[in-house]
PDB file of all heavy atoms in Angstrom:
ATOM      1  N   ALA A   1      94.555 110.524  92.401  1.00  0.00           N
ATOM      2  CA  ALA A   1      95.570 110.708  91.371  1.00  0.00           C
ATOM      3  C   ALA A   1      96.463 111.910  91.654  1.00  0.00           C
ATOM      4  O   ALA A   1      97.608 111.965  91.184  1.00  0.00           O
ATOM      5  CB  ALA A   1      94.897 110.865  90.006  1.00  0.00           C
ATOM      6  N   ASP A   2      95.955 112.874  92.450  1.00  0.00           N
ATOM      7  CA  ASP A   2      96.774 114.046  92.783  1.00  0.00           C
ATOM      8  C   ASP A   2      97.641 113.820  94.018  1.00  0.00           C
ATOM      9  O   ASP A   2      98.300 114.747  94.495  1.00  0.00           O
ATOM     10  CB  ASP A   2      95.888 115.279  92.985  1.00  0.00           C
ATOM     11  CG  ASP A   2      94.927 115.133  94.164  1.00  0.00           C
ATOM     12  OD1 ASP A   2      94.925 114.062  94.829  1.00  0.00           O
ATOM     13  OD2 ASP A   2      94.163 116.084  94.423  1.00  0.00           O
ATOM     14  N   GLY A   3      97.628 112.603  94.559  1.00  0.00           N
ATOM     15  CA  GLY A   3      98.481 112.264  95.687  1.00  0.00           C
ATOM     16  C   GLY A   3      97.856 112.432  97.053  1.00  0.00           C
ATOM     17  O   GLY A   3      98.478 112.090  98.066  1.00  0.00           O
ATOM     18  N   ARG A   4      96.630 112.904  97.115  1.00  0.00           N
ATOM     19  CA  ARG A   4      96.003 113.104  98.422  1.00  0.00           C
ATOM     20  C   ARG A   4      95.576 111.753  98.994  1.00  0.00           C
ATOM     21  O   ARG A   4      94.841 110.996  98.369  1.00  0.00           O
ATOM     22  CB  ARG A   4      94.810 114.056  98.315  1.00  0.00           C
ATOM     23  CG  ARG A   4      95.222 115.445  97.859  1.00  0.00           C
ATOM     24  CD  ARG A   4      94.052 116.428  97.847  1.00  0.00           C
ATOM     25  NE  ARG A   4      94.458 117.689  97.240  1.00  0.00           N
ATOM     26  CZ  ARG A   4      95.082 118.675  97.888  1.00  0.00           C
ATOM     27  NH1 ARG A   4      95.370 118.535  99.165  1.00  0.00           N
ATOM     28  NH2 ARG A   4      95.435 119.779  97.250  1.00  0.00           N
ATOM     29  N   LEU A   5      96.041 111.496 100.214  1.00  0.00           N
ATOM     30  CA  LEU A   5      95.790 110.210 100.850  1.00  0.00           C
ATOM     31  C   LEU A   5      94.329 110.072 101.255  1.00  0.00           C
ATOM     32  O   LEU A   5      93.738 110.987 101.855  1.00  0.00           O
ATOM     33  CB  LEU A   5      96.675 110.060 102.093  1.00  0.00           C
ATOM     34  CG  LEU A   5      98.166 109.846 101.838  1.00  0.00           C
ATOM     35  CD1 LEU A   5      98.971 110.097 103.114  1.00  0.00           C
ATOM     36  CD2 LEU A   5      98.413 108.432 101.326  1.00  0.00           C
ATOM     37  N   THR A   6      93.756 108.928 100.958  1.00  0.00           N
ATOM     38  CA  THR A   6      92.394 108.615 101.395  1.00  0.00           C
ATOM     39  C   THR A   6      92.355 107.401 102.310  1.00  0.00           C
ATOM     40  O   THR A   6      91.379 107.201 103.030  1.00  0.00           O
ATOM     41  CB  THR A   6      91.496 108.343 100.180  1.00  0.00           C
ATOM     42  OG1 THR A   6      92.063 107.279  99.405  1.00  0.00           O
ATOM     43  CG2 THR A   6      91.368 109.593  99.319  1.00  0.00           C
ATOM     44  N   ALA A   7      93.411 106.581 102.284  1.00  0.00           N
ATOM     45  CA  ALA A   7      93.439 105.376 103.116  1.00  0.00           C
ATOM     46  C   ALA A   7      94.869 105.114 103.566  1.00  0.00           C
ATOM     47  O   ALA A   7      95.801 105.123 102.752  1.00  0.00           O
ATOM     48  CB  ALA A   7      92.904 104.179 102.331  1.00  0.00           C
ATOM     49  N   ILE A   8      95.049 104.881 104.866  1.00  0.00           N
ATOM     50  CA  ILE A   8      96.361 104.568 105.435  1.00  0.00           C
ATOM     51  C   ILE A   8      96.225 103.296 106.270  1.00  0.00           C
ATOM     52  O   ILE A   8      95.462 103.260 107.248  1.00  0.00           O
ATOM     53  CB  ILE A   8      96.896 105.714 106.309  1.00  0.00           C
ATOM     54  CG1 ILE A   8      97.063 106.993 105.477  1.00  0.00           C
ATOM     55  CG2 ILE A   8      98.212 105.323 106.958  1.00  0.00           C
ATOM     56  CD1 ILE A   8      97.477 108.206 106.297  1.00  0.00           C
ATOM     57  N   GLY A   9      96.966 102.279 105.878  1.00  0.00           N
ATOM     58  CA  GLY A   9      96.999 101.037 106.640  1.00  0.00           C
ATOM     59  C   GLY A   9      98.417 100.731 107.079  1.00  0.00           C
ATOM     60  O   GLY A   9      99.360 100.828 106.290  1.00  0.00           O
ATOM     61  N   HIS A  10      98.585 100.399 108.330  1.00  0.00           N
ATOM     62  CA  HIS A  10      99.911 100.092 108.865  1.00  0.00           C
ATOM     63  C   HIS A  10      99.776  98.916 109.821  1.00  0.00           C
ATOM     64  O   HIS A  10      99.221  99.044 110.907  1.00  0.00           O
ATOM     65  CB  HIS A  10     100.482 101.315 109.591  1.00  0.00           C
ATOM     66  CG  HIS A  10     101.935 101.184 109.964  1.00  0.00           C
ATOM     67  ND1 HIS A  10     102.689 102.245 110.404  1.00  0.00           N
ATOM     68  CD2 HIS A  10     102.785 100.119 109.954  1.00  0.00           C
ATOM     69  CE1 HIS A  10     103.918 101.847 110.649  1.00  0.00           C
ATOM     70  NE2 HIS A  10     103.996 100.546 110.397  1.00  0.00           N
ATOM     71  N   ASP A  11     100.249  97.756 109.396  1.00  0.00           N
ATOM     72  CA  ASP A  11     100.293  96.565 110.240  1.00  0.00           C
ATOM     73  C   ASP A  11     101.741  96.280 110.585  1.00  0.00           C
ATOM     74  O   ASP A  11     102.609  96.249 109.696  1.00  0.00           O
ATOM     75  CB  ASP A  11      99.689  95.360 109.519  1.00  0.00           C
ATOM     76  CG  ASP A  11      98.188  95.500 109.303  1.00  0.00           C
ATOM     77  OD1 ASP A  11      97.518  96.067 110.188  1.00  0.00           O
ATOM     78  OD2 ASP A  11      97.700  95.057 108.251  1.00  0.00           O
ATOM     79  N   SER A  12     102.017  96.065 111.865  1.00  0.00           N
ATOM     80  CA  SER A  12     103.391  95.894 112.313  1.00  0.00           C
ATOM     81  C   SER A  12     103.494  94.712 113.256  1.00  0.00           C
ATOM     82  O   SER A  12     102.636  94.517 114.119  1.00  0.00           O
ATOM     83  CB  SER A  12     103.871  97.170 113.016  1.00  0.00           C
ATOM     84  OG  SER A  12     105.201  97.041 113.461  1.00  0.00           O
ATOM     85  N   TRP A  13     104.577  93.933 113.093  1.00  0.00           N
ATOM     86  CA  TRP A  13     104.838  92.781 113.953  1.00  0.00           C
ATOM     87  C   TRP A  13     106.192  92.958 114.626  1.00  0.00           C
ATOM     88  O   TRP A  13     107.185  93.312 113.982  1.00  0.00           O
ATOM     89  CB  TRP A  13     104.865  91.495 113.124  1.00  0.00           C
ATOM     90  CG  TRP A  13     103.535  91.074 112.588  1.00  0.00           C
ATOM     91  CD1 TRP A  13     102.690  90.147 113.122  1.00  0.00           C
ATOM     92  CD2 TRP A  13     102.893  91.553 111.387  1.00  0.00           C
ATOM     93  NE1 TRP A  13     101.556  90.025 112.340  1.00  0.00           N
ATOM     94  CE2 TRP A  13     101.660  90.874 111.275  1.00  0.00           C
ATOM     95  CE3 TRP A  13     103.243  92.489 110.412  1.00  0.00           C
ATOM     96  CZ2 TRP A  13     100.778  91.102 110.211  1.00  0.00           C
ATOM     97  CZ3 TRP A  13     102.375  92.727 109.365  1.00  0.00           C
ATOM     98  CH2 TRP A  13     101.158  92.031 109.272  1.00  0.00           C
ATOM     99  N   SER A  14     106.236  92.722 115.925  1.00  0.00           N
ATOM    100  CA  SER A  14     107.503  92.674 116.661  1.00  0.00           C
ATOM    101  C   SER A  14     107.386  91.587 117.712  1.00  0.00           C
ATOM    102  O   SER A  14     106.290  91.078 117.979  1.00  0.00           O
ATOM    103  CB  SER A  14     107.824  94.034 117.315  1.00  0.00           C
ATOM    104  OG  SER A  14     106.808  94.421 118.217  1.00  0.00           O
ATOM    105  N   GLY A  15     108.515  91.222 118.301  1.00  0.00           N
ATOM    106  CA  GLY A  15     108.517  90.148 119.285  1.00  0.00           C
ATOM    107  C   GLY A  15     109.087  90.603 120.603  1.00  0.00           C
ATOM    108  O   GLY A  15     109.840  91.582 120.681  1.00  0.00           O
ATOM    109  N   ASN A  16     108.751  89.864 121.661  1.00  0.00           N
ATOM    110  CA  ASN A  16     109.256  90.224 122.980  1.00  0.00           C
ATOM    111  C   ASN A  16     109.087  89.055 123.929  1.00  0.00           C
ATOM    112  O   ASN A  16     108.413  88.067 123.612  1.00  0.00           O
ATOM    113  CB  ASN A  16     108.510  91.454 123.531  1.00  0.00           C
ATOM    114  CG  ASN A  16     109.406  92.347 124.361  1.00  0.00           C
ATOM    115  OD1 ASN A  16     110.404  91.897 124.922  1.00  0.00           O
ATOM    116  ND2 ASN A  16     109.069  93.617 124.445  1.00  0.00           N
ATOM    117  N   LEU A  17     109.689  89.192 125.103  1.00  0.00           N
ATOM    118  CA  LEU A  17     109.440  88.239 126.169  1.00  0.00           C
ATOM    119  C   LEU A  17     107.962  88.286 126.556  1.00  0.00           C
ATOM    120  O   LEU A  17     107.271  89.289 126.319  1.00  0.00           O
ATOM    121  CB  LEU A  17     110.286  88.587 127.398  1.00  0.00           C
ATOM    122  CG  LEU A  17     111.801  88.465 127.271  1.00  0.00           C
ATOM    123  CD1 LEU A  17     112.472  89.060 128.505  1.00  0.00           C
ATOM    124  CD2 LEU A  17     112.217  87.014 127.091  1.00  0.00           C
ATOM    125  N   ALA A  18     107.481  87.213 127.158  1.00  0.00           N
ATOM    126  CA  ALA A  18     106.092  87.189 127.624  1.00  0.00           C
ATOM    127  C   ALA A  18     105.854  88.366 128.569  1.00  0.00           C
ATOM    128  O   ALA A  18     106.636  88.615 129.491  1.00  0.00           O
ATOM    129  CB  ALA A  18     105.806  85.871 128.331  1.00  0.00           C
ATOM    130  N   GLY A  19     104.789  89.103 128.323  1.00  0.00           N
ATOM    131  CA  GLY A  19     104.472  90.268 129.140  1.00  0.00           C
ATOM    132  C   GLY A  19     105.091  91.557 128.655  1.00  0.00           C
ATOM    133  O   GLY A  19     104.797  92.628 129.190  1.00  0.00           O
ATOM    134  N   GLY A  20     105.962  91.488 127.637  1.00  0.00           N
ATOM    135  CA  GLY A  20     106.602  92.684 127.104  1.00  0.00           C
ATOM    136  C   GLY A  20     105.686  93.467 126.184  1.00  0.00           C
ATOM    137  O   GLY A  20     104.544  93.076 125.917  1.00  0.00           O
ATOM    138  N   ARG A  21     106.209  94.574 125.658  1.00  0.00           N
ATOM    139  CA  ARG A  21     105.418  95.481 124.837  1.00  0.00           C
ATOM    140  C   ARG A  21     105.778  95.350 123.363  1.00  0.00           C
ATOM    141  O   ARG A  21     106.821  94.837 123.005  1.00  0.00           O
ATOM    142  CB  ARG A  21     105.654  96.936 125.274  1.00  0.00           C
ATOM    143  CG  ARG A  21     105.277  97.212 126.718  1.00  0.00           C
ATOM    144  CD  ARG A  21     105.559  98.671 127.080  1.00  0.00           C
ATOM    145  NE  ARG A  21     105.199  98.937 128.462  1.00  0.00           N
ATOM    146  CZ  ARG A  21     106.023  98.764 129.492  1.00  0.00           C
ATOM    147  NH1 ARG A  21     107.255  98.355 129.283  1.00  0.00           N
ATOM    148  NH2 ARG A  21     105.623  99.009 130.718  1.00  0.00           N
ATOM    149  N   THR A  22     104.902  95.878 122.526  1.00  0.00           N
ATOM    150  CA  THR A  22     105.199  95.968 121.096  1.00  0.00           C
ATOM    151  C   THR A  22     106.155  97.125 120.846  1.00  0.00           C
ATOM    152  O   THR A  22     106.270  98.054 121.661  1.00  0.00           O
ATOM    153  CB  THR A  22     103.918  96.230 120.285  1.00  0.00           C
ATOM    154  OG1 THR A  22     103.348  97.484 120.695  1.00  0.00           O
ATOM    155  CG2 THR A  22     102.899  95.120 120.471  1.00  0.00           C
ATOM    156  N   GLU A  23     106.837  97.088 119.723  1.00  0.00           N
ATOM    157  CA  GLU A  23     107.552  98.271 119.243  1.00  0.00           C
ATOM    158  C   GLU A  23     106.498  99.189 118.623  1.00  0.00           C
ATOM    159  O   GLU A  23     105.821  98.811 117.656  1.00  0.00           O
ATOM    160  CB  GLU A  23     108.607  97.887 118.210  1.00  0.00           C
ATOM    161  CG  GLU A  23     109.324  99.061 117.576  1.00  0.00           C
ATOM    162  CD  GLU A  23     110.174  99.869 118.550  1.00  0.00           C
ATOM    163  OE1 GLU A  23     110.711  99.273 119.509  1.00  0.00           O
ATOM    164  OE2 GLU A  23     110.303 101.090 118.346  1.00  0.00           O
ATOM    165  N   PRO A  24     106.293 100.419 119.159  1.00  0.00           N
ATOM    166  CA  PRO A  24     105.138 101.244 118.763  1.00  0.00           C
ATOM    167  C   PRO A  24     105.318 101.968 117.432  1.00  0.00           C
ATOM    168  O   PRO A  24     105.256 103.197 117.340  1.00  0.00           O
ATOM    169  CB  PRO A  24     104.996 102.213 119.932  1.00  0.00           C
ATOM    170  CG  PRO A  24     106.378 102.371 120.459  1.00  0.00           C
ATOM    171  CD  PRO A  24     107.044 101.024 120.280  1.00  0.00           C
ATOM    172  N   THR A  25     105.524 101.196 116.381  1.00  0.00           N
ATOM    173  CA  THR A  25     105.836 101.752 115.060  1.00  0.00           C
ATOM    174  C   THR A  25     104.715 102.592 114.463  1.00  0.00           C
ATOM    175  O   THR A  25     104.960 103.383 113.546  1.00  0.00           O
ATOM    176  CB  THR A  25     106.151 100.610 114.092  1.00  0.00           C
ATOM    177  OG1 THR A  25     105.109  99.634 114.196  1.00  0.00           O
ATOM    178  CG2 THR A  25     107.473  99.941 114.427  1.00  0.00           C
ATOM    179  N   THR A  26     103.488 102.413 114.922  1.00  0.00           N
ATOM    180  CA  THR A  26     102.363 103.144 114.333  1.00  0.00           C
ATOM    181  C   THR A  26     102.203 104.551 114.899  1.00  0.00           C
ATOM    182  O   THR A  26     101.338 105.303 114.429  1.00  0.00           O
ATOM    183  CB  THR A  26     101.054 102.365 114.540  1.00  0.00           C
ATOM    184  OG1 THR A  26     100.873 102.116 115.942  1.00  0.00           O
ATOM    185  CG2 THR A  26     101.092 101.030 113.810  1.00  0.00           C
ATOM    186  N   LEU A  27     103.016 104.930 115.884  1.00  0.00           N
ATOM    187  CA  LEU A  27     102.899 106.267 116.463  1.00  0.00           C
ATOM    188  C   LEU A  27     103.000 107.372 115.407  1.00  0.00           C
ATOM    189  O   LEU A  27     102.140 108.269 115.369  1.00  0.00           O
ATOM    190  CB  LEU A  27     103.979 106.472 117.533  1.00  0.00           C
ATOM    191  CG  LEU A  27     103.701 105.928 118.932  1.00  0.00           C
ATOM    192  CD1 LEU A  27     104.937 106.107 119.807  1.00  0.00           C
ATOM    193  CD2 LEU A  27     102.507 106.632 119.566  1.00  0.00           C
ATOM    194  N   PRO A  28     104.011 107.378 114.546  1.00  0.00           N
ATOM    195  CA  PRO A  28     104.078 108.484 113.576  1.00  0.00           C
ATOM    196  C   PRO A  28     102.988 108.404 112.522  1.00  0.00           C
ATOM    197  O   PRO A  28     102.527 109.444 112.021  1.00  0.00           O
ATOM    198  CB  PRO A  28     105.468 108.314 112.952  1.00  0.00           C
ATOM    199  CG  PRO A  28     105.792 106.869 113.112  1.00  0.00           C
ATOM    200  CD  PRO A  28     105.175 106.476 114.420  1.00  0.00           C
ATOM    201  N   THR A  29     102.568 107.200 112.176  1.00  0.00           N
ATOM    202  CA  THR A  29     101.525 107.039 111.161  1.00  0.00           C
ATOM    203  C   THR A  29     100.224 107.682 111.605  1.00  0.00           C
ATOM    204  O   THR A  29      99.439 108.154 110.784  1.00  0.00           O
ATOM    205  CB  THR A  29     101.294 105.537 110.882  1.00  0.00           C
ATOM    206  OG1 THR A  29     102.554 104.866 110.888  1.00  0.00           O
ATOM    207  CG2 THR A  29     100.603 105.322 109.561  1.00  0.00           C
ATOM    208  N   ALA A  30      99.996 107.694 112.906  1.00  0.00           N
ATOM    209  CA  ALA A  30      98.738 108.218 113.432  1.00  0.00           C
ATOM    210  C   ALA A  30      98.604 109.722 113.260  1.00  0.00           C
ATOM    211  O   ALA A  30      97.483 110.238 113.172  1.00  0.00           O
ATOM    212  CB  ALA A  30      98.611 107.849 114.913  1.00  0.00           C
ATOM    213  N   LEU A  31      99.725 110.450 113.176  1.00  0.00           N
ATOM    214  CA  LEU A  31      99.657 111.906 113.273  1.00  0.00           C
ATOM    215  C   LEU A  31     100.354 112.679 112.158  1.00  0.00           C
ATOM    216  O   LEU A  31     100.179 113.889 112.059  1.00  0.00           O
ATOM    217  CB  LEU A  31     100.272 112.359 114.613  1.00  0.00           C
ATOM    218  CG  LEU A  31      99.506 111.973 115.881  1.00  0.00           C
ATOM    219  CD1 LEU A  31     100.357 112.260 117.106  1.00  0.00           C
ATOM    220  CD2 LEU A  31      98.192 112.729 115.967  1.00  0.00           C
TER     221      LEU A  31
END
């Protein structure tokens, strides 16, 4: 209730050519 985070969930979807990479949107969420 005081705003302190206890759980962080981040699911992200992106598309690419076969063999390509994801867009690394979770990088900032991690730190």
